[in-house]
Structure formats: structure tokens, C-alpha cells
Amino acid sequence: MNKNICRYCYKEIQDRDELVTASNWFRIRPFHYRCFELVEQDTRTIAGSWSPVNGRVGLITVALMVVLAVVLLTTDLLGGIGDVIGLLALYPVLLRALSYFLFEIKLPKYVENKRRS
């Protein structure tokens, strides 16, 4: 089984409770939630910032983008440009699906007695 390794401290992520997947310019990386806070503090520019894909923020973003994409792709609200915006709105949805299938599905929801590494 392929292990999920934190991209900050290079230790194994043991359950979904510890996992934060983040995206930055077409990249998805797994982090411990503590390490992700450190990554956010280390980030100096908006262009280099990591945004969380899973969790509440990711869920709200995905829900809003699905609604926006459905409205723009099924109606003629903005014409051709609306279709392009609707397709671009599906990007966070794709990131969330990739995050789930690449990282989260491999991990148990919660491990009671975690070994500290």
C-alpha cells in the first residue's frame, strides 16, 4: 500500500484526521494539519500560497463552484464566455475529486492509538 507522506516534514500521515491536501498552481500535495499551518506562515506571496482542498473550506468552494458551473453551462446567461467560465469553475471540483482518490481513500478515518514517528 502506498503511504501518504507529508510534503513538509516527510513523515507518514496516519489517518484522515491529520490530513490536509492543498493545491498550488495545478499541484496537489498532502500535509499534516500542523505542517500546513507552518507552510501557510512560510508563504510570502499570493502566487505561492497553498489553498486547502479538503475540509470545510474545500467543501464550500466545491459546492459554490458546482452551482456556478451548472448555472453557466445550462443557461445562456453570458453566452460563450459563460460556458468558458463554467468550465473553469469545474477546476476546484476536479481538484477535490483527485484529492479524494489519490490521498484520502487510502487512509482510515481515525486511528485511536497513533504511533508517533
PDB file of N, CA and C in Angstrom:
ATOM      1  N   MET A   1       0.842  -1.185   0.000  1.00  0.00           N
ATOM      2  CA  MET A   1       0.000   0.000   0.000  1.00  0.00           C
ATOM      3  C   MET A   1       0.882   1.242   0.000  1.00  0.00           C
ATOM      4  N   ASN A   2       0.582   2.165  -0.860  1.00  0.00           N
ATOM      5  CA  ASN A   2       1.336   3.403  -0.971  1.00  0.00           C
ATOM      6  C   ASN A   2       1.034   4.307   0.226  1.00  0.00           C
ATOM      7  N   LYS A   3       2.074   4.785   0.897  1.00  0.00           N
ATOM      8  CA  LYS A   3       1.878   5.614   2.081  1.00  0.00           C
ATOM      9  C   LYS A   3       1.778   7.078   1.683  1.00  0.00           C
ATOM     10  N   ASN A   4       0.969   7.810   2.439  1.00  0.00           N
ATOM     11  CA  ASN A   4       0.885   9.252   2.264  1.00  0.00           C
ATOM     12  C   ASN A   4       1.947   9.894   3.137  1.00  0.00           C
ATOM     13  N   ILE A   5       2.843  10.621   2.527  1.00  0.00           N
ATOM     14  CA  ILE A   5       3.943  11.270   3.222  1.00  0.00           C
ATOM     15  C   ILE A   5       3.715  12.784   3.171  1.00  0.00           C
ATOM     16  N   CYS A   6       3.846  13.423   4.317  1.00  0.00           N
ATOM     17  CA  CYS A   6       3.713  14.877   4.404  1.00  0.00           C
ATOM     18  C   CYS A   6       4.831  15.536   3.606  1.00  0.00           C
ATOM     19  N   ARG A   7       4.493  16.536   2.808  1.00  0.00           N
ATOM     20  CA  ARG A   7       5.480  17.204   1.971  1.00  0.00           C
ATOM     21  C   ARG A   7       6.295  18.247   2.731  1.00  0.00           C
ATOM     22  N   TYR A   8       5.993  18.445   4.006  1.00  0.00           N
ATOM     23  CA  TYR A   8       6.739  19.412   4.805  1.00  0.00           C
ATOM     24  C   TYR A   8       7.737  18.724   5.735  1.00  0.00           C
ATOM     25  N   CYS A   9       7.244  17.733   6.501  1.00  0.00           N
ATOM     26  CA  CYS A   9       8.125  17.064   7.468  1.00  0.00           C
ATOM     27  C   CYS A   9       8.576  15.682   6.994  1.00  0.00           C
ATOM     28  N   TYR A  10       8.007  15.179   5.901  1.00  0.00           N
ATOM     29  CA  TYR A  10       8.352  13.882   5.303  1.00  0.00           C
ATOM     30  C   TYR A  10       8.102  12.701   6.242  1.00  0.00           C
ATOM     31  N   LYS A  11       7.084  12.827   7.096  1.00  0.00           N
ATOM     32  CA  LYS A  11       6.651  11.718   7.938  1.00  0.00           C
ATOM     33  C   LYS A  11       5.308  11.218   7.423  1.00  0.00           C
ATOM     34  N   GLU A  12       4.977   9.990   7.819  1.00  0.00           N
ATOM     35  CA  GLU A  12       3.745   9.359   7.343  1.00  0.00           C
ATOM     36  C   GLU A  12       2.511  10.017   7.959  1.00  0.00           C
ATOM     37  N   ILE A  13       1.493  10.204   7.134  1.00  0.00           N
ATOM     38  CA  ILE A  13       0.191  10.667   7.605  1.00  0.00           C
ATOM     39  C   ILE A  13      -0.629   9.416   7.888  1.00  0.00           C
ATOM     40  N   GLN A  14      -1.120   9.279   9.125  1.00  0.00           N
ATOM     41  CA  GLN A  14      -1.712   8.014   9.543  1.00  0.00           C
ATOM     42  C   GLN A  14      -3.217   7.923   9.369  1.00  0.00           C
ATOM     43  N   ASP A  15      -3.944   9.038   9.416  1.00  0.00           N
ATOM     44  CA  ASP A  15      -5.382   8.991   9.210  1.00  0.00           C
ATOM     45  C   ASP A  15      -5.887  10.293   8.599  1.00  0.00           C
ATOM     46  N   ARG A  16      -7.172  10.293   8.206  1.00  0.00           N
ATOM     47  CA  ARG A  16      -7.743  11.473   7.552  1.00  0.00           C
ATOM     48  C   ARG A  16      -7.852  12.662   8.495  1.00  0.00           C
ATOM     49  N   ASP A  17      -7.854  12.389   9.793  1.00  0.00           N
ATOM     50  CA  ASP A  17      -7.946  13.458  10.777  1.00  0.00           C
ATOM     51  C   ASP A  17      -6.709  14.357  10.735  1.00  0.00           C
ATOM     52  N   GLU A  18      -5.573  13.824  10.361  1.00  0.00           N
ATOM     53  CA  GLU A  18      -4.321  14.577  10.267  1.00  0.00           C
ATOM     54  C   GLU A  18      -4.115  15.216   8.895  1.00  0.00           C
ATOM     55  N   LEU A  19      -4.828  14.747   7.889  1.00  0.00           N
ATOM     56  CA  LEU A  19      -4.547  15.095   6.503  1.00  0.00           C
ATOM     57  C   LEU A  19      -5.164  16.426   6.080  1.00  0.00           C
ATOM     58  N   VAL A  20      -4.350  17.245   5.459  1.00  0.00           N
ATOM     59  CA  VAL A  20      -4.813  18.421   4.726  1.00  0.00           C
ATOM     60  C   VAL A  20      -4.180  18.330   3.347  1.00  0.00           C
ATOM     61  N   THR A  21      -5.028  18.243   2.334  1.00  0.00           N
ATOM     62  CA  THR A  21      -4.488  18.293   0.978  1.00  0.00           C
ATOM     63  C   THR A  21      -4.615  19.728   0.493  1.00  0.00           C
ATOM     64  N   ALA A  22      -3.566  20.218  -0.130  1.00  0.00           N
ATOM     65  CA  ALA A  22      -3.548  21.608  -0.567  1.00  0.00           C
ATOM     66  C   ALA A  22      -3.144  21.684  -2.032  1.00  0.00           C
ATOM     67  N   SER A  23      -3.604  22.741  -2.676  1.00  0.00           N
ATOM     68  CA  SER A  23      -3.266  22.916  -4.084  1.00  0.00           C
ATOM     69  C   SER A  23      -2.557  24.248  -4.288  1.00  0.00           C
ATOM     70  N   ASN A  24      -1.682  24.229  -5.298  1.00  0.00           N
ATOM     71  CA  ASN A  24      -0.942  25.416  -5.678  1.00  0.00           C
ATOM     72  C   ASN A  24      -0.569  25.257  -7.140  1.00  0.00           C
ATOM     73  N   TRP A  25      -1.207  26.027  -8.016  1.00  0.00           N
ATOM     74  CA  TRP A  25      -0.876  26.022  -9.429  1.00  0.00           C
ATOM     75  C   TRP A  25      -0.820  24.610 -10.030  1.00  0.00           C
ATOM     76  N   PHE A  26      -1.916  23.918 -10.051  1.00  0.00           N
ATOM     77  CA  PHE A  26      -2.065  22.599 -10.670  1.00  0.00           C
ATOM     78  C   PHE A  26      -1.326  21.485  -9.930  1.00  0.00           C
ATOM     79  N   ARG A  27      -0.927  21.713  -8.691  1.00  0.00           N
ATOM     80  CA  ARG A  27      -0.288  20.669  -7.884  1.00  0.00           C
ATOM     81  C   ARG A  27      -1.155  20.391  -6.665  1.00  0.00           C
ATOM     82  N   ILE A  28      -1.227  19.128  -6.270  1.00  0.00           N
ATOM     83  CA  ILE A  28      -1.929  18.733  -5.051  1.00  0.00           C
ATOM     84  C   ILE A  28      -0.921  18.016  -4.171  1.00  0.00           C
ATOM     85  N   ARG A  29      -0.797  18.449  -2.924  1.00  0.00           N
ATOM     86  CA  ARG A  29       0.174  17.854  -2.008  1.00  0.00           C
ATOM     87  C   ARG A  29      -0.488  17.558  -0.668  1.00  0.00           C
ATOM     88  N   PRO A  30      -0.114  16.424  -0.037  1.00  0.00           N
ATOM     89  CA  PRO A  30      -0.634  16.118   1.299  1.00  0.00           C
ATOM     90  C   PRO A  30       0.253  16.720   2.397  1.00  0.00           C
ATOM     91  N   PHE A  31      -0.383  17.198   3.456  1.00  0.00           N
ATOM     92  CA  PHE A  31       0.320  17.740   4.613  1.00  0.00           C
ATOM     93  C   PHE A  31      -0.376  17.282   5.887  1.00  0.00           C
ATOM     94  N   HIS A  32       0.369  17.238   7.006  1.00  0.00           N
ATOM     95  CA  HIS A  32      -0.260  17.157   8.312  1.00  0.00           C
ATOM     96  C   HIS A  32      -0.925  18.510   8.562  1.00  0.00           C
ATOM     97  N   TYR A  33      -1.969  18.554   9.388  1.00  0.00           N
ATOM     98  CA  TYR A  33      -2.615  19.843   9.613  1.00  0.00           C
ATOM     99  C   TYR A  33      -1.678  20.815  10.311  1.00  0.00           C
ATOM    100  N   ARG A  34      -0.782  20.309  11.178  1.00  0.00           N
ATOM    101  CA  ARG A  34       0.194  21.181  11.842  1.00  0.00           C
ATOM    102  C   ARG A  34       1.226  21.710  10.835  1.00  0.00           C
ATOM    103  N   CYS A  35       1.661  20.858   9.962  1.00  0.00           N
ATOM    104  CA  CYS A  35       2.642  21.259   8.943  1.00  0.00           C
ATOM    105  C   CYS A  35       2.031  22.248   7.959  1.00  0.00           C
ATOM    106  N   PHE A  36       0.745  22.091   7.648  1.00  0.00           N
ATOM    107  CA  PHE A  36       0.101  23.017   6.728  1.00  0.00           C
ATOM    108  C   PHE A  36       0.049  24.428   7.317  1.00  0.00           C
ATOM    109  N   GLU A  37      -0.163  24.533   8.615  1.00  0.00           N
ATOM    110  CA  GLU A  37      -0.129  25.843   9.268  1.00  0.00           C
ATOM    111  C   GLU A  37       1.253  26.478   9.123  1.00  0.00           C
ATOM    112  N   LEU A  38       2.306  25.668   9.234  1.00  0.00           N
ATOM    113  CA  LEU A  38       3.661  26.183   9.051  1.00  0.00           C
ATOM    114  C   LEU A  38       3.920  26.604   7.607  1.00  0.00           C
ATOM    115  N   VAL A  39       3.377  25.844   6.671  1.00  0.00           N
ATOM    116  CA  VAL A  39       3.528  26.189   5.257  1.00  0.00           C
ATOM    117  C   VAL A  39       2.834  27.522   4.974  1.00  0.00           C
ATOM    118  N   GLU A  40       1.660  27.712   5.558  1.00  0.00           N
ATOM    119  CA  GLU A  40       0.955  28.972   5.365  1.00  0.00           C
ATOM    120  C   GLU A  40       1.743  30.147   5.940  1.00  0.00           C
ATOM    121  N   GLN A  41       2.400  29.936   7.068  1.00  0.00           N
ATOM    122  CA  GLN A  41       3.202  31.004   7.671  1.00  0.00           C
ATOM    123  C   GLN A  41       4.447  31.301   6.831  1.00  0.00           C
ATOM    124  N   ASP A  42       5.017  30.278   6.218  1.00  0.00           N
ATOM    125  CA  ASP A  42       6.225  30.453   5.406  1.00  0.00           C
ATOM    126  C   ASP A  42       5.948  31.115   4.066  1.00  0.00           C
ATOM    127  N   THR A  43       4.710  31.037   3.596  1.00  0.00           N
ATOM    128  CA  THR A  43       4.370  31.568   2.287  1.00  0.00           C
ATOM    129  C   THR A  43       4.420  33.093   2.320  1.00  0.00           C
ATOM    130  N   ARG A  44       5.105  33.661   1.367  1.00  0.00           N
ATOM    131  CA  ARG A  44       5.321  35.113   1.349  1.00  0.00           C
ATOM    132  C   ARG A  44       4.413  35.836   0.343  1.00  0.00           C
ATOM    133  N   THR A  45       4.039  35.190  -0.748  1.00  0.00           N
ATOM    134  CA  THR A  45       3.254  35.863  -1.779  1.00  0.00           C
ATOM    135  C   THR A  45       1.945  35.137  -2.018  1.00  0.00           C
ATOM    136  N   ILE A  46       1.026  35.826  -2.649  1.00  0.00           N
ATOM    137  CA  ILE A  46      -0.255  35.213  -3.000  1.00  0.00           C
ATOM    138  C   ILE A  46      -0.043  34.165  -4.087  1.00  0.00           C
ATOM    139  N   ALA A  47       0.875  34.421  -5.007  1.00  0.00           N
ATOM    140  CA  ALA A  47       1.128  33.498  -6.116  1.00  0.00           C
ATOM    141  C   ALA A  47       1.696  32.172  -5.626  1.00  0.00           C
ATOM    142  N   GLY A  48       2.373  32.181  -4.492  1.00  0.00           N
ATOM    143  CA  GLY A  48       2.966  30.959  -3.976  1.00  0.00           C
ATOM    144  C   GLY A  48       2.160  30.320  -2.866  1.00  0.00           C
ATOM    145  N   SER A  49       0.954  30.802  -2.621  1.00  0.00           N
ATOM    146  CA  SER A  49       0.189  30.300  -1.484  1.00  0.00           C
ATOM    147  C   SER A  49      -0.478  28.959  -1.795  1.00  0.00           C
ATOM    148  N   TRP A  50      -0.599  28.160  -0.765  1.00  0.00           N
ATOM    149  CA  TRP A  50      -1.271  26.862  -0.852  1.00  0.00           C
ATOM    150  C   TRP A  50      -2.681  27.045  -0.313  1.00  0.00           C
ATOM    151  N   SER A  51      -3.668  26.540  -1.014  1.00  0.00           N
ATOM    152  CA  SER A  51      -5.045  26.613  -0.528  1.00  0.00           C
ATOM    153  C   SER A  51      -5.549  25.198  -0.243  1.00  0.00           C
ATOM    154  N   PRO A  52      -6.240  25.005   0.894  1.00  0.00           N
ATOM    155  CA  PRO A  52      -6.721  23.667   1.249  1.00  0.00           C
ATOM    156  C   PRO A  52      -7.815  23.189   0.295  1.00  0.00           C
ATOM    157  N   VAL A  53      -7.752  21.914  -0.024  1.00  0.00           N
ATOM    158  CA  VAL A  53      -8.729  21.320  -0.929  1.00  0.00           C
ATOM    159  C   VAL A  53      -9.790  20.565  -0.138  1.00  0.00           C
ATOM    160  N   ASN A  54      -9.387  19.889   0.921  1.00  0.00           N
ATOM    161  CA  ASN A  54     -10.360  19.148   1.722  1.00  0.00           C
ATOM    162  C   ASN A  54     -10.743  19.980   2.942  1.00  0.00           C
ATOM    163  N   GLY A  55     -11.670  19.484   3.727  1.00  0.00           N
ATOM    164  CA  GLY A  55     -12.130  20.220   4.890  1.00  0.00           C
ATOM    165  C   GLY A  55     -13.314  21.104   4.548  1.00  0.00           C
ATOM    166  N   ARG A  56     -13.700  21.942   5.491  1.00  0.00           N
ATOM    167  CA  ARG A  56     -14.875  22.798   5.305  1.00  0.00           C
ATOM    168  C   ARG A  56     -14.681  23.805   4.171  1.00  0.00           C
ATOM    169  N   VAL A  57     -13.518  24.422   4.133  1.00  0.00           N
ATOM    170  CA  VAL A  57     -13.259  25.434   3.102  1.00  0.00           C
ATOM    171  C   VAL A  57     -13.346  24.809   1.714  1.00  0.00           C
ATOM    172  N   GLY A  58     -12.748  23.655   1.547  1.00  0.00           N
ATOM    173  CA  GLY A  58     -12.800  22.970   0.256  1.00  0.00           C
ATOM    174  C   GLY A  58     -14.201  22.544  -0.120  1.00  0.00           C
ATOM    175  N   LEU A  59     -14.970  22.078   0.864  1.00  0.00           N
ATOM    176  CA  LEU A  59     -16.341  21.641   0.601  1.00  0.00           C
ATOM    177  C   LEU A  59     -17.220  22.812   0.171  1.00  0.00           C
ATOM    178  N   ILE A  60     -17.077  23.943   0.843  1.00  0.00           N
ATOM    179  CA  ILE A  60     -17.870  25.125   0.484  1.00  0.00           C
ATOM    180  C   ILE A  60     -17.476  25.616  -0.907  1.00  0.00           C
ATOM    181  N   THR A  61     -16.190  25.650  -1.194  1.00  0.00           N
ATOM    182  CA  THR A  61     -15.718  26.081  -2.506  1.00  0.00           C
ATOM    183  C   THR A  61     -16.254  25.177  -3.608  1.00  0.00           C
ATOM    184  N   VAL A  62     -16.186  23.879  -3.390  1.00  0.00           N
ATOM    185  CA  VAL A  62     -16.674  22.919  -4.397  1.00  0.00           C
ATOM    186  C   VAL A  62     -18.175  23.080  -4.604  1.00  0.00           C
ATOM    187  N   ALA A  63     -18.935  23.240  -3.530  1.00  0.00           N
ATOM    188  CA  ALA A  63     -20.388  23.397  -3.657  1.00  0.00           C
ATOM    189  C   ALA A  63     -20.734  24.655  -4.447  1.00  0.00           C
ATOM    190  N   LEU A  64     -20.071  25.761  -4.145  1.00  0.00           N
ATOM    191  CA  LEU A  64     -20.341  27.007  -4.867  1.00  0.00           C
ATOM    192  C   LEU A  64     -19.942  26.905  -6.341  1.00  0.00           C
ATOM    193  N   MET A  65     -18.829  26.260  -6.618  1.00  0.00           N
ATOM    194  CA  MET A  65     -18.373  26.135  -7.997  1.00  0.00           C
ATOM    195  C   MET A  65     -19.254  25.187  -8.807  1.00  0.00           C
ATOM    196  N   VAL A  66     -19.793  24.154  -8.174  1.00  0.00           N
ATOM    197  CA  VAL A  66     -20.721  23.262  -8.882  1.00  0.00           C
ATOM    198  C   VAL A  66     -21.978  24.032  -9.262  1.00  0.00           C
ATOM    199  N   VAL A  67     -22.509  24.818  -8.334  1.00  0.00           N
ATOM    200  CA  VAL A  67     -23.700  25.619  -8.626  1.00  0.00           C
ATOM    201  C   VAL A  67     -23.408  26.613  -9.753  1.00  0.00           C
ATOM    202  N   LEU A  68     -22.274  27.308  -9.663  1.00  0.00           N
ATOM    203  CA  LEU A  68     -21.904  28.267 -10.701  1.00  0.00           C
ATOM    204  C   LEU A  68     -21.741  27.590 -12.062  1.00  0.00           C
ATOM    205  N   ALA A  69     -21.059  26.453 -12.090  1.00  0.00           N
ATOM    206  CA  ALA A  69     -20.838  25.741 -13.350  1.00  0.00           C
ATOM    207  C   ALA A  69     -22.152  25.258 -13.949  1.00  0.00           C
ATOM    208  N   VAL A  70     -23.031  24.715 -13.117  1.00  0.00           N
ATOM    209  CA  VAL A  70     -24.317  24.227 -13.625  1.00  0.00           C
ATOM    210  C   VAL A  70     -25.141  25.376 -14.196  1.00  0.00           C
ATOM    211  N   VAL A  71     -25.175  26.496 -13.478  1.00  0.00           N
ATOM    212  CA  VAL A  71     -25.947  27.640 -13.972  1.00  0.00           C
ATOM    213  C   VAL A  71     -25.377  28.160 -15.279  1.00  0.00           C
ATOM    214  N   LEU A  72     -24.078  28.325 -15.358  1.00  0.00           N
ATOM    215  CA  LEU A  72     -23.480  28.892 -16.568  1.00  0.00           C
ATOM    216  C   LEU A  72     -23.488  27.929 -17.750  1.00  0.00           C
ATOM    217  N   LEU A  73     -23.380  26.630 -17.483  1.00  0.00           N
ATOM    218  CA  LEU A  73     -23.348  25.664 -18.591  1.00  0.00           C
ATOM    219  C   LEU A  73     -24.731  25.283 -19.098  1.00  0.00           C
ATOM    220  N   THR A  74     -25.759  25.410 -18.265  1.00  0.00           N
ATOM    221  CA  THR A  74     -27.105  25.010 -18.696  1.00  0.00           C
ATOM    222  C   THR A  74     -27.950  26.175 -19.189  1.00  0.00           C
ATOM    223  N   THR A  75     -27.539  27.402 -18.892  1.00  0.00           N
ATOM    224  CA  THR A  75     -28.290  28.563 -19.375  1.00  0.00           C
ATOM    225  C   THR A  75     -27.438  29.342 -20.377  1.00  0.00           C
ATOM    226  N   ASP A  76     -28.061  30.317 -20.990  1.00  0.00           N
ATOM    227  CA  ASP A  76     -27.340  31.188 -21.917  1.00  0.00           C
ATOM    228  C   ASP A  76     -27.124  32.541 -21.242  1.00  0.00           C
ATOM    229  N   LEU A  77     -26.685  32.496 -20.002  1.00  0.00           N
ATOM    230  CA  LEU A  77     -26.572  33.693 -19.177  1.00  0.00           C
ATOM    231  C   LEU A  77     -25.543  34.678 -19.718  1.00  0.00           C
ATOM    232  N   LEU A  78     -24.354  34.241 -20.012  1.00  0.00           N
ATOM    233  CA  LEU A  78     -23.313  35.123 -20.528  1.00  0.00           C
ATOM    234  C   LEU A  78     -22.853  34.724 -21.929  1.00  0.00           C
ATOM    235  N   GLY A  79     -23.584  33.872 -22.561  1.00  0.00           N
ATOM    236  CA  GLY A  79     -23.228  33.425 -23.911  1.00  0.00           C
ATOM    237  C   GLY A  79     -22.048  32.474 -23.889  1.00  0.00           C
ATOM    238  N   GLY A  80     -21.169  32.619 -24.859  1.00  0.00           N
ATOM    239  CA  GLY A  80     -19.999  31.740 -24.981  1.00  0.00           C
ATOM    240  C   GLY A  80     -19.015  31.915 -23.847  1.00  0.00           C
ATOM    241  N   ILE A  81     -18.878  33.137 -23.363  1.00  0.00           N
ATOM    242  CA  ILE A  81     -17.944  33.380 -22.262  1.00  0.00           C
ATOM    243  C   ILE A  81     -18.444  32.698 -20.983  1.00  0.00           C
ATOM    244  N   GLY A  82     -19.756  32.575 -20.846  1.00  0.00           N
ATOM    245  CA  GLY A  82     -20.327  31.877 -19.687  1.00  0.00           C
ATOM    246  C   GLY A  82     -19.970  30.403 -19.689  1.00  0.00           C
ATOM    247  N   ASP A  83     -19.925  29.810 -20.885  1.00  0.00           N
ATOM    248  CA  ASP A  83     -19.522  28.406 -20.983  1.00  0.00           C
ATOM    249  C   ASP A  83     -18.062  28.223 -20.579  1.00  0.00           C
ATOM    250  N   VAL A  84     -17.217  29.150 -20.978  1.00  0.00           N
ATOM    251  CA  VAL A  84     -15.801  29.072 -20.602  1.00  0.00           C
ATOM    252  C   VAL A  84     -15.642  29.241 -19.094  1.00  0.00           C
ATOM    253  N   ILE A  85     -16.352  30.208 -18.527  1.00  0.00           N
ATOM    254  CA  ILE A  85     -16.292  30.413 -17.076  1.00  0.00           C
ATOM    255  C   ILE A  85     -16.846  29.191 -16.344  1.00  0.00           C
ATOM    256  N   GLY A  86     -17.897  28.597 -16.881  1.00  0.00           N
ATOM    257  CA  GLY A  86     -18.467  27.383 -16.282  1.00  0.00           C
ATOM    258  C   GLY A  86     -17.481  26.229 -16.275  1.00  0.00           C
ATOM    259  N   LEU A  87     -16.731  26.078 -17.359  1.00  0.00           N
ATOM    260  CA  LEU A  87     -15.711  25.023 -17.411  1.00  0.00           C
ATOM    261  C   LEU A  87     -14.570  25.314 -16.437  1.00  0.00           C
ATOM    262  N   LEU A  88     -14.164  26.574 -16.337  1.00  0.00           N
ATOM    263  CA  LEU A  88     -13.120  26.938 -15.374  1.00  0.00           C
ATOM    264  C   LEU A  88     -13.586  26.753 -13.933  1.00  0.00           C
ATOM    265  N   ALA A  89     -14.878  26.901 -13.686  1.00  0.00           N
ATOM    266  CA  ALA A  89     -15.423  26.708 -12.343  1.00  0.00           C
ATOM    267  C   ALA A  89     -15.366  25.242 -11.920  1.00  0.00           C
ATOM    268  N   LEU A  90     -15.215  24.347 -12.873  1.00  0.00           N
ATOM    269  CA  LEU A  90     -15.111  22.924 -12.536  1.00  0.00           C
ATOM    270  C   LEU A  90     -13.712  22.532 -12.056  1.00  0.00           C
ATOM    271  N   TYR A  91     -12.741  23.426 -12.159  1.00  0.00           N
ATOM    272  CA  TYR A  91     -11.369  23.144 -11.712  1.00  0.00           C
ATOM    273  C   TYR A  91     -11.299  22.761 -10.228  1.00  0.00           C
ATOM    274  N   PRO A  92     -11.901  23.513  -9.288  1.00  0.00           N
ATOM    275  CA  PRO A  92     -11.856  23.086  -7.879  1.00  0.00           C
ATOM    276  C   PRO A  92     -12.562  21.750  -7.635  1.00  0.00           C
ATOM    277  N   VAL A  93     -13.580  21.472  -8.421  1.00  0.00           N
ATOM    278  CA  VAL A  93     -14.289  20.191  -8.287  1.00  0.00           C
ATOM    279  C   VAL A  93     -13.363  19.047  -8.701  1.00  0.00           C
ATOM    280  N   LEU A  94     -12.638  19.244  -9.786  1.00  0.00           N
ATOM    281  CA  LEU A  94     -11.666  18.249 -10.244  1.00  0.00           C
ATOM    282  C   LEU A  94     -10.559  18.054  -9.212  1.00  0.00           C
ATOM    283  N   LEU A  95     -10.061  19.150  -8.639  1.00  0.00           N
ATOM    284  CA  LEU A  95      -9.031  19.049  -7.602  1.00  0.00           C
ATOM    285  C   LEU A  95      -9.529  18.257  -6.400  1.00  0.00           C
ATOM    286  N   ARG A  96     -10.759  18.507  -5.984  1.00  0.00           N
ATOM    287  CA  ARG A  96     -11.319  17.798  -4.822  1.00  0.00           C
ATOM    288  C   ARG A  96     -11.455  16.313  -5.110  1.00  0.00           C
ATOM    289  N   ALA A  97     -11.915  15.966  -6.304  1.00  0.00           N
ATOM    290  CA  ALA A  97     -12.054  14.551  -6.673  1.00  0.00           C
ATOM    291  C   ALA A  97     -10.682  13.877  -6.723  1.00  0.00           C
ATOM    292  N   LEU A  98      -9.694  14.540  -7.306  1.00  0.00           N
ATOM    293  CA  LEU A  98      -8.338  13.983  -7.345  1.00  0.00           C
ATOM    294  C   LEU A  98      -7.774  13.813  -5.934  1.00  0.00           C
ATOM    295  N   SER A  99      -7.998  14.793  -5.090  1.00  0.00           N
ATOM    296  CA  SER A  99      -7.527  14.723  -3.710  1.00  0.00           C
ATOM    297  C   SER A  99      -8.126  13.514  -2.995  1.00  0.00           C
ATOM    298  N   TYR A 100      -9.413  13.304  -3.199  1.00  0.00           N
ATOM    299  CA  TYR A 100     -10.076  12.181  -2.535  1.00  0.00           C
ATOM    300  C   TYR A 100      -9.518  10.843  -3.027  1.00  0.00           C
ATOM    301  N   PHE A 101      -9.408  10.689  -4.338  1.00  0.00           N
ATOM    302  CA  PHE A 101      -8.980   9.409  -4.890  1.00  0.00           C
ATOM    303  C   PHE A 101      -7.483   9.152  -4.737  1.00  0.00           C
ATOM    304  N   LEU A 102      -6.662  10.192  -4.743  1.00  0.00           N
ATOM    305  CA  LEU A 102      -5.219   9.993  -4.616  1.00  0.00           C
ATOM    306  C   LEU A 102      -4.749   9.848  -3.169  1.00  0.00           C
ATOM    307  N   PHE A 103      -5.360  10.595  -2.245  1.00  0.00           N
ATOM    308  CA  PHE A 103      -4.833  10.644  -0.889  1.00  0.00           C
ATOM    309  C   PHE A 103      -5.799  10.132   0.181  1.00  0.00           C
ATOM    310  N   GLU A 104      -7.033  10.589   0.164  1.00  0.00           N
ATOM    311  CA  GLU A 104      -7.938  10.302   1.273  1.00  0.00           C
ATOM    312  C   GLU A 104      -8.470   8.880   1.299  1.00  0.00           C
ATOM    313  N   ILE A 105      -8.717   8.291   0.148  1.00  0.00           N
ATOM    314  CA  ILE A 105      -9.322   6.963   0.097  1.00  0.00           C
ATOM    315  C   ILE A 105      -8.399   5.896   0.685  1.00  0.00           C
ATOM    316  N   LYS A 106      -7.093   6.164   0.692  1.00  0.00           N
ATOM    317  CA  LYS A 106      -6.120   5.198   1.198  1.00  0.00           C
ATOM    318  C   LYS A 106      -6.028   5.197   2.726  1.00  0.00           C
ATOM    319  N   LEU A 107      -6.519   6.246   3.363  1.00  0.00           N
ATOM    320  CA  LEU A 107      -6.349   6.402   4.803  1.00  0.00           C
ATOM    321  C   LEU A 107      -7.613   6.030   5.564  1.00  0.00           C
ATOM    322  N   PRO A 108      -7.463   5.465   6.775  1.00  0.00           N
ATOM    323  CA  PRO A 108      -8.636   5.251   7.619  1.00  0.00           C
ATOM    324  C   PRO A 108      -9.150   6.590   8.142  1.00  0.00           C
ATOM    325  N   LYS A 109     -10.424   6.626   8.531  1.00  0.00           N
ATOM    326  CA  LYS A 109     -10.992   7.875   9.029  1.00  0.00           C
ATOM    327  C   LYS A 109     -10.291   8.362  10.291  1.00  0.00           C
ATOM    328  N   TYR A 110     -10.095   7.467  11.243  1.00  0.00           N
ATOM    329  CA  TYR A 110      -9.477   7.863  12.512  1.00  0.00           C
ATOM    330  C   TYR A 110      -8.761   6.667  13.110  1.00  0.00           C
ATOM    331  N   VAL A 111      -7.555   6.874  13.575  1.00  0.00           N
ATOM    332  CA  VAL A 111      -6.797   5.829  14.262  1.00  0.00           C
ATOM    333  C   VAL A 111      -6.734   6.209  15.729  1.00  0.00           C
ATOM    334  N   GLU A 112      -7.213   5.316  16.589  1.00  0.00           N
ATOM    335  CA  GLU A 112      -7.319   5.610  18.024  1.00  0.00           C
ATOM    336  C   GLU A 112      -5.964   5.849  18.673  1.00  0.00           C
ATOM    337  N   ASN A 113      -5.084   4.869  18.588  1.00  0.00           N
ATOM    338  CA  ASN A 113      -3.757   4.972  19.215  1.00  0.00           C
ATOM    339  C   ASN A 113      -2.698   5.111  18.129  1.00  0.00           C
ATOM    340  N   LYS A 114      -2.413   6.351  17.783  1.00  0.00           N
ATOM    341  CA  LYS A 114      -1.438   6.597  16.731  1.00  0.00           C
ATOM    342  C   LYS A 114      -0.032   6.444  17.269  1.00  0.00           C
ATOM    343  N   ARG A 115       0.817   5.866  16.436  1.00  0.00           N
ATOM    344  CA  ARG A 115       2.214   5.798  16.827  1.00  0.00           C
ATOM    345  C   ARG A 115       2.876   7.110  16.396  1.00  0.00           C
ATOM    346  N   ARG A 116       3.650   7.651  17.250  1.00  0.00           N
ATOM    347  CA  ARG A 116       4.313   8.922  16.956  1.00  0.00           C
ATOM    348  C   ARG A 116       5.639   8.644  16.285  1.00  0.00           C
ATOM    349  N   SER A 117       5.816   9.223  15.105  1.00  0.00           N
ATOM    350  CA  SER A 117       7.074   8.992  14.398  1.00  0.00           C
ATOM    351  C   SER A 117       7.865  10.254  14.286  1.00  0.00           C
TER     352      SER A 117
END
